[in-house]
Amino acid sequence: MSNQGPVKTAIIGSQFEADIHAFSLTSVPDAAELVAVASPTPGHAAELAKKYNIPRVFTDYKKMLAEKDIEMVTIAAPNYLHAQMTIDIAAAGKHVVCEKPLCMTLEEADEMIDTCQRQGVLLMYAEELFFTPKYVKAKEMADQGAFGRVYMVKQCEKHFGPHAPWFWDVEKSGGGVFMDMGCHGIAFCWWFLGRPEIKNVFCQMATYVHTDKTKGEDNCLCIIEFENNAVGLIENSWARRGGMEDRIEVYGEAGLTYADLHMGNALPTYSEPGYGYAVEKAPTTKGWTYPVFEELWNYGFPQEMRHFARCVRGKEEPQATGRDGRVVQQVLYAGYHSAATGEKIPLPFEARNVKTPIELWLDVR
């Protein structure tokens, strides 16, 4: 493999998240070259390849891993496949970018981390909120002392439900909205505050709207208390109508800031007939809508992929690794157990022999 030039990259997956990866990788040609895509679903990989001019298409990702020139592989597959795919990628000597959440269990997290370490490859955890321009600016100001001592960070992400059917199946997803989007808020609050030790986790969750689709929770509130006497407040919902809401609030002794990911970059629009696309999770484009300019750049995806490629070249240190993903996984465990017991759960909390984090809630209810 070459140690210079764009990193030759492949994607496992072909749907919504894989499309984001493909767009992001092809947006940073100085850092990455997208050379292959694999998906078992007939025709899907070929469609993605045609859209982004990806030269090689596979229906078996293991055959793709045999391609010697591929240096980095991104995983945009269902949660329950993350661990085995990571192990296979590492065994092939290629660096790994794994979408959130890292995996299903703490045992899987440990095996992923250990395997990548033994194979001498990077395991990079894809948390785009570490690259979202507005959120990065807020952290830069906080680190400069703009707000004095920060005592509370809030992250909110809500919409009316995920794209793919597997999200609703807790055996494949590992949980509901907390597993899907709470992992963003956990990682964000922890990162924003400088990765302090986590004291305890308290969660309330329920299935209010989508009882016909899932055993998983569709609304969740989570409070994390940190050793530095700061609090993280995370709000997630699959039950919010009207499209996506994604925002943060930061409170300090000497100031505060708010950042709404969509509204500051949106074009307030009214259309009676509707139009093609407004923003992620928008259910309709009729009436008032808020299409977002350069949506994926505002999320931070191209910046994230460029960073990962530069890490492979040794030009940057990973912002998030498998160990960060494991911390998130532990908080997910604690959150589900808290929702079941109604109590604050101290960390470290390492329930063993569970197949999915949501079991810690479902089996106690």
Protein backbone atom coordinates (compact mmCIF):
# COMPACT_ATOMS: atom_id res chain seq x y z
CA MET A 1 0.00 0.00 0.00
CA SER A 2 1.11 3.54 -0.72
CA ASN A 3 1.91 5.83 2.20
CA GLN A 4 1.08 8.98 0.31
CA GLY A 5 -1.67 10.42 -1.86
CA PRO A 6 -5.41 9.99 -1.25
CA VAL A 7 -6.35 7.02 0.92
CA LYS A 8 -8.01 4.30 -1.15
CA THR A 9 -11.31 3.73 0.62
CA ALA A 10 -14.23 1.32 0.38
CA ILE A 11 -17.73 1.33 1.87
CA ILE A 12 -19.75 -1.57 3.27
CA GLY A 13 -23.40 -0.62 2.81
CA SER A 14 -25.45 1.01 0.09
CA GLN A 15 -28.38 2.85 1.61
CA PHE A 16 -28.89 6.15 3.48
CA GLU A 17 -25.72 6.25 5.58
CA ALA A 18 -23.60 4.73 2.82
CA ASP A 19 -24.78 7.51 0.51
CA ILE A 20 -23.60 10.05 3.10
CA HIS A 21 -20.23 8.32 3.30
CA ALA A 22 -19.94 8.26 -0.49
CA PHE A 23 -20.82 11.94 -0.85
CA SER A 24 -18.43 12.88 1.93
CA LEU A 25 -15.50 10.83 0.62
CA THR A 26 -15.90 12.12 -2.92
CA SER A 27 -16.06 15.67 -1.53
CA VAL A 28 -12.49 15.41 -0.19
CA PRO A 29 -10.43 14.10 -3.15
CA ASP A 30 -7.21 15.50 -1.68
CA ALA A 31 -7.54 13.07 1.23
CA ALA A 32 -9.55 10.05 0.04
CA GLU A 33 -10.32 8.11 -3.12
CA LEU A 34 -13.49 6.01 -3.08
CA VAL A 35 -12.64 2.84 -5.01
CA ALA A 36 -15.20 0.20 -3.99
CA VAL A 37 -18.58 -0.50 -2.41
CA ALA A 38 -20.12 -3.75 -1.16
CA SER A 39 -23.72 -4.63 -0.34
CA PRO A 40 -25.57 -7.97 -0.41
CA THR A 41 -28.81 -6.35 -1.59
CA PRO A 42 -29.13 -6.95 -5.36
CA GLY A 43 -28.60 -3.79 -7.37
CA HIS A 44 -28.08 -1.41 -4.45
CA ALA A 45 -24.30 -1.27 -4.56
CA ALA A 46 -24.40 -0.85 -8.32
CA GLU A 47 -26.79 2.10 -7.97
CA LEU A 48 -24.54 3.81 -5.44
CA ALA A 49 -21.51 3.12 -7.62
CA LYS A 50 -23.20 4.69 -10.63
CA LYS A 51 -24.20 7.78 -8.65
CA TYR A 52 -20.67 8.43 -7.35
CA ASN A 53 -18.56 6.83 -10.11
CA ILE A 54 -17.22 4.12 -7.80
CA PRO A 55 -15.22 1.73 -10.01
CA ARG A 56 -15.65 -1.58 -8.13
CA VAL A 57 -18.86 -3.21 -6.90
CA PHE A 58 -19.22 -6.29 -4.70
CA THR A 59 -22.13 -8.24 -3.22
CA ASP A 60 -19.79 -9.92 -0.70
CA TYR A 61 -17.76 -7.54 1.44
CA LYS A 62 -15.21 -10.25 2.22
CA LYS A 63 -14.31 -10.45 -1.46
CA MET A 64 -13.90 -6.67 -1.46
CA LEU A 65 -11.50 -6.96 1.49
CA ALA A 66 -9.25 -9.16 -0.66
CA GLU A 67 -8.49 -6.15 -2.87
CA LYS A 68 -4.92 -5.33 -1.89
CA ASP A 69 -4.94 -1.61 -2.67
CA ILE A 70 -7.84 -0.77 -0.33
CA GLU A 71 -6.49 0.94 2.78
CA MET A 72 -9.58 2.06 4.74
CA VAL A 73 -13.11 0.68 4.94
CA THR A 74 -16.15 2.49 6.32
CA ILE A 75 -19.01 0.50 7.85
CA ALA A 76 -22.49 1.80 7.05
CA ALA A 77 -24.37 -1.39 7.94
CA PRO A 78 -26.90 -2.34 10.66
CA ASN A 79 -25.61 -2.24 14.23
CA TYR A 80 -25.59 -6.01 14.79
CA LEU A 81 -23.07 -6.44 11.95
CA HIS A 82 -20.53 -3.87 13.13
CA ALA A 83 -18.42 -6.15 15.31
CA GLN A 84 -17.87 -9.00 12.84
CA MET A 85 -17.26 -6.60 9.97
CA THR A 86 -14.67 -4.70 12.03
CA ILE A 87 -12.88 -7.95 12.89
CA ASP A 88 -12.87 -9.02 9.24
CA ILE A 89 -11.61 -5.65 8.03
CA ALA A 90 -8.83 -5.61 10.62
CA ALA A 91 -7.84 -9.18 9.71
CA ALA A 92 -7.44 -7.98 6.12
CA GLY A 93 -5.00 -5.31 7.35
CA LYS A 94 -7.22 -2.34 6.59
CA HIS A 95 -8.15 0.61 8.78
CA VAL A 96 -11.74 0.76 10.07
CA VAL A 97 -14.27 3.58 10.25
CA CYS A 98 -17.29 2.29 12.18
CA GLU A 99 -20.57 4.16 12.28
CA LYS A 100 -22.26 4.82 15.59
CA PRO A 101 -23.12 3.04 17.80
CA LEU A 102 -19.89 1.05 17.89
CA CYS A 103 -21.61 -2.31 18.33
CA MET A 104 -24.23 -4.17 20.39
CA THR A 105 -22.39 -5.23 23.55
CA LEU A 106 -19.39 -4.38 25.69
CA GLU A 107 -17.89 -7.78 24.89
CA GLU A 108 -18.05 -6.93 21.19
CA ALA A 109 -16.49 -3.53 21.85
CA ASP A 110 -13.56 -5.14 23.66
CA GLU A 111 -13.02 -7.67 20.87
CA MET A 112 -13.13 -4.95 18.19
CA ILE A 113 -10.61 -2.79 20.05
CA ASP A 114 -8.28 -5.70 20.83
CA THR A 115 -8.39 -7.10 17.29
CA CYS A 116 -7.59 -3.78 15.66
CA GLN A 117 -4.76 -3.20 18.11
CA ARG A 118 -3.27 -6.64 17.41
CA GLN A 119 -3.54 -6.13 13.66
CA GLY A 120 -1.95 -2.69 13.85
CA VAL A 121 -4.87 -0.86 12.23
CA LEU A 122 -6.87 2.15 13.36
CA LEU A 123 -10.41 1.70 14.69
CA MET A 124 -12.06 5.08 14.21
CA TYR A 125 -15.50 5.84 15.63
CA ALA A 126 -17.70 7.90 13.33
CA GLU A 127 -19.23 10.62 15.52
CA GLU A 128 -19.89 13.52 13.18
CA LEU A 129 -20.91 15.92 15.96
CA PHE A 130 -17.20 16.29 16.72
CA PHE A 131 -16.92 17.92 13.26
CA THR A 132 -20.20 19.84 12.96
CA PRO A 133 -19.04 23.42 12.26
CA LYS A 134 -21.44 25.17 14.64
CA TYR A 135 -20.75 22.72 17.43
CA VAL A 136 -16.99 22.88 16.90
CA LYS A 137 -17.22 26.69 17.14
CA ALA A 138 -19.17 26.42 20.39
CA LYS A 139 -16.49 24.15 21.89
CA GLU A 140 -13.73 26.46 20.66
CA MET A 141 -15.40 29.38 22.48
CA ALA A 142 -15.90 27.30 25.61
CA ASP A 143 -12.27 26.20 25.62
CA GLN A 144 -11.25 29.86 25.30
CA GLY A 145 -13.21 30.66 28.47
CA ALA A 146 -16.11 32.47 26.81
CA PHE A 147 -18.66 30.99 29.22
CA GLY A 148 -16.51 30.56 32.32
CA ARG A 149 -16.91 27.17 33.95
CA VAL A 150 -19.45 25.22 31.90
CA TYR A 151 -21.94 23.51 34.18
CA MET A 152 -24.49 22.12 31.69
CA VAL A 153 -24.45 20.97 28.08
CA LYS A 154 -27.63 19.94 26.30
CA GLN A 155 -27.96 18.06 23.01
CA CYS A 156 -31.32 17.45 21.38
CA GLU A 157 -32.07 15.30 18.32
CA LYS A 158 -35.63 14.45 17.34
CA HIS A 159 -37.65 13.35 14.31
CA PHE A 160 -40.48 10.92 13.50
CA GLY A 161 -38.46 7.77 12.98
CA PRO A 162 -35.56 6.21 11.08
CA HIS A 163 -35.18 5.39 7.40
CA ALA A 164 -34.55 1.64 7.32
CA PRO A 165 -36.78 -1.16 8.69
CA TRP A 166 -33.95 -2.74 10.70
CA PHE A 167 -33.89 0.22 13.11
CA TRP A 168 -37.30 -0.83 14.42
CA ASP A 169 -36.10 -4.40 15.10
CA VAL A 170 -34.33 -4.34 18.46
CA GLU A 171 -32.58 -7.64 17.71
CA LYS A 172 -30.75 -5.88 14.87
CA SER A 173 -30.50 -2.36 16.26
CA GLY A 174 -29.93 -3.12 19.94
CA GLY A 175 -32.47 -0.56 21.11
CA GLY A 176 -34.74 2.30 20.13
CA VAL A 177 -34.10 6.01 19.85
CA PHE A 178 -31.59 6.09 22.73
CA MET A 179 -29.42 3.52 20.95
CA ASP A 180 -29.89 5.27 17.61
CA MET A 181 -29.44 8.93 18.54
CA GLY A 182 -28.68 9.02 22.25
CA CYS A 183 -25.21 7.79 21.36
CA HIS A 184 -24.67 11.17 19.61
CA GLY A 185 -25.64 13.13 22.71
CA ILE A 186 -23.58 10.96 25.05
CA ALA A 187 -20.46 11.37 22.94
CA PHE A 188 -21.08 15.07 22.36
CA CYS A 189 -21.56 16.08 26.01
CA TRP A 190 -18.57 13.99 27.13
CA TRP A 191 -16.35 15.43 24.37
CA PHE A 192 -17.53 19.01 24.84
CA LEU A 193 -16.69 18.92 28.55
CA GLY A 194 -13.21 17.52 27.93
CA ARG A 195 -13.94 13.81 28.47
CA PRO A 196 -14.31 13.91 32.28
CA GLU A 197 -15.09 10.81 34.33
CA ILE A 198 -18.77 9.95 34.33
CA LYS A 199 -20.37 9.66 37.78
CA ASN A 200 -23.84 8.40 36.99
CA VAL A 201 -26.62 8.14 34.41
CA PHE A 202 -30.37 8.63 34.78
CA CYS A 203 -32.88 7.95 31.99
CA GLN A 204 -36.63 8.03 31.41
CA MET A 205 -37.91 6.35 28.26
CA ALA A 206 -41.13 4.99 26.80
CA THR A 207 -42.81 3.99 23.55
CA TYR A 208 -45.48 6.61 22.97
CA VAL A 209 -46.27 6.54 19.24
CA HIS A 210 -44.69 3.59 17.42
CA THR A 211 -45.95 0.63 19.48
CA ASP A 212 -47.08 -1.01 16.23
CA LYS A 213 -43.53 -0.96 14.81
CA THR A 214 -41.10 -1.64 17.62
CA LYS A 215 -40.45 -2.88 21.12
CA GLY A 216 -37.92 -0.09 21.38
CA GLU A 217 -38.39 3.27 23.06
CA ASP A 218 -39.38 6.16 20.77
CA ASN A 219 -38.73 8.96 23.28
CA CYS A 220 -35.96 9.31 25.84
CA LEU A 221 -34.57 11.82 28.34
CA CYS A 222 -31.08 11.23 29.73
CA ILE A 223 -29.11 13.07 32.43
CA ILE A 224 -25.40 12.40 32.86
CA GLU A 225 -23.53 13.73 35.88
CA PHE A 226 -19.77 14.18 35.45
CA GLU A 227 -16.95 14.26 38.01
CA ASN A 228 -16.19 17.91 37.15
CA ASN A 229 -19.62 18.87 38.57
CA ALA A 230 -21.12 19.41 35.11
CA VAL A 231 -24.29 17.88 33.70
CA GLY A 232 -25.17 16.57 30.25
CA LEU A 233 -28.84 16.64 29.24
CA ILE A 234 -29.82 14.57 26.20
CA GLU A 235 -33.25 14.61 24.56
CA ASN A 236 -34.11 12.14 21.80
CA SER A 237 -37.31 11.27 19.99
CA TRP A 238 -38.66 9.22 17.12
CA ALA A 239 -42.09 10.62 17.98
CA ARG A 240 -41.61 14.27 16.92
CA ARG A 241 -43.56 15.24 13.82
CA GLY A 242 -42.41 17.97 11.46
CA GLY A 243 -38.96 16.76 10.44
CA MET A 244 -35.57 16.89 12.09
CA GLU A 245 -34.60 18.93 15.15
CA ASP A 246 -30.91 19.00 16.08
CA ARG A 247 -29.52 21.59 18.48
CA ILE A 248 -27.29 22.23 21.46
CA GLU A 249 -27.31 24.56 24.45
CA VAL A 250 -24.25 25.39 26.55
CA TYR A 251 -24.49 27.07 29.96
CA GLY A 252 -21.58 28.46 31.94
CA GLU A 253 -21.05 30.68 34.97
CA ALA A 254 -20.15 33.59 32.68
CA GLY A 255 -22.21 33.01 29.55
CA LEU A 256 -24.11 30.69 27.28
CA THR A 257 -24.60 29.79 23.63
CA TYR A 258 -27.24 28.05 21.52
CA ALA A 259 -26.71 26.35 18.17
CA ASP A 260 -29.54 25.09 15.99
CA LEU A 261 -28.04 22.86 13.32
CA HIS A 262 -30.73 23.50 10.74
CA MET A 263 -32.42 26.81 11.29
CA GLY A 264 -29.37 29.02 10.85
CA ASN A 265 -28.65 27.45 7.47
CA ALA A 266 -32.22 27.04 6.30
CA LEU A 267 -34.24 28.90 3.69
CA PRO A 268 -37.78 29.51 5.05
CA THR A 269 -39.89 28.30 2.12
CA TYR A 270 -43.58 28.06 1.32
CA SER A 271 -44.74 25.78 -1.53
CA GLU A 272 -48.25 24.52 -2.27
CA PRO A 273 -47.20 21.86 -4.84
CA GLY A 274 -44.08 20.81 -2.93
CA TYR A 275 -40.65 20.07 -4.37
CA GLY A 276 -37.90 17.45 -4.34
CA TYR A 277 -35.98 17.53 -1.04
CA ALA A 278 -35.81 19.83 1.94
CA VAL A 279 -33.79 18.26 4.74
CA GLU A 280 -33.24 14.89 6.37
CA LYS A 281 -36.41 13.32 7.82
CA ALA A 282 -38.71 16.06 6.46
CA PRO A 283 -42.02 14.25 5.84
CA THR A 284 -43.26 16.61 3.10
CA THR A 285 -42.21 19.66 1.12
CA LYS A 286 -45.70 21.15 0.90
CA GLY A 287 -46.57 24.24 2.91
CA TRP A 288 -43.84 25.78 5.07
CA THR A 289 -40.51 23.95 4.97
CA TYR A 290 -36.91 24.79 5.78
CA PRO A 291 -34.53 23.39 3.14
CA VAL A 292 -30.93 23.45 4.36
CA PHE A 293 -28.04 24.78 2.30
CA GLU A 294 -25.09 22.34 2.03
CA GLU A 295 -26.73 20.00 4.52
CA LEU A 296 -23.99 17.36 4.85
CA TRP A 297 -21.26 19.96 5.25
CA ASN A 298 -23.32 21.56 8.04
CA TYR A 299 -23.49 18.14 9.73
CA GLY A 300 -19.71 17.74 9.43
CA PHE A 301 -19.59 14.52 7.40
CA PRO A 302 -17.04 15.53 4.72
CA GLN A 303 -14.81 17.06 7.39
CA GLU A 304 -15.06 13.83 9.39
CA MET A 305 -14.06 11.61 6.46
CA ARG A 306 -11.17 13.89 5.53
CA HIS A 307 -9.96 13.65 9.13
CA PHE A 308 -10.11 9.84 9.11
CA ALA A 309 -8.13 9.67 5.86
CA ARG A 310 -5.50 12.02 7.28
CA CYS A 311 -5.26 9.78 10.35
CA VAL A 312 -4.43 6.84 8.09
CA ARG A 313 -1.60 8.93 6.61
CA GLY A 314 -0.38 9.83 10.11
CA LYS A 315 -1.16 13.51 9.62
CA GLU A 316 -3.71 13.71 12.46
CA GLU A 317 -4.60 11.78 15.60
CA PRO A 318 -8.09 10.24 15.64
CA GLN A 319 -10.69 12.45 17.33
CA ALA A 320 -12.68 9.36 18.26
CA THR A 321 -11.55 5.73 18.51
CA GLY A 322 -13.10 2.45 19.50
CA ARG A 323 -12.41 3.34 23.12
CA ASP A 324 -14.65 6.39 22.79
CA GLY A 325 -17.33 4.15 21.31
CA ARG A 326 -16.95 1.81 24.27
CA VAL A 327 -17.55 4.67 26.72
CA VAL A 328 -20.75 5.49 24.83
CA GLN A 329 -21.74 1.81 24.93
CA GLN A 330 -21.32 1.71 28.71
CA VAL A 331 -23.55 4.78 29.13
CA LEU A 332 -26.17 3.17 26.86
CA TYR A 333 -26.15 0.13 29.15
CA ALA A 334 -26.50 2.32 32.22
CA GLY A 335 -29.25 4.38 30.62
CA TYR A 336 -31.42 1.40 29.77
CA HIS A 337 -30.92 -0.04 33.26
CA SER A 338 -31.79 3.32 34.80
CA ALA A 339 -35.00 3.55 32.81
CA ALA A 340 -35.96 0.11 34.10
CA THR A 341 -35.18 0.79 37.76
CA GLY A 342 -35.95 4.51 38.01
CA GLU A 343 -32.58 5.05 39.67
CA LYS A 344 -29.32 6.80 38.93
CA ILE A 345 -26.80 4.21 37.80
CA PRO A 346 -23.18 4.80 38.86
CA LEU A 347 -20.39 4.17 36.39
CA PRO A 348 -18.54 1.99 35.65
CA PHE A 349 -21.55 -0.23 34.86
CA GLU A 350 -20.72 -3.38 32.96
CA ALA A 351 -23.65 -5.79 32.78
CA ARG A 352 -22.46 -8.95 31.08
CA ASN A 353 -24.10 -11.68 29.03
CA VAL A 354 -26.67 -9.41 27.40
CA LYS A 355 -27.29 -9.63 23.67
CA THR A 356 -28.66 -6.10 23.26
CA PRO A 357 -28.54 -3.03 25.54
CA ILE A 358 -32.33 -2.68 25.47
CA GLU A 359 -32.67 -6.00 27.32
CA LEU A 360 -31.66 -4.09 30.43
CA TRP A 361 -34.92 -2.15 30.07
CA LEU A 362 -37.29 -4.65 28.42
CA ASP A 363 -36.50 -7.54 30.75
CA VAL A 364 -37.22 -5.51 33.89
CA ARG A 365 -40.34 -3.60 32.81
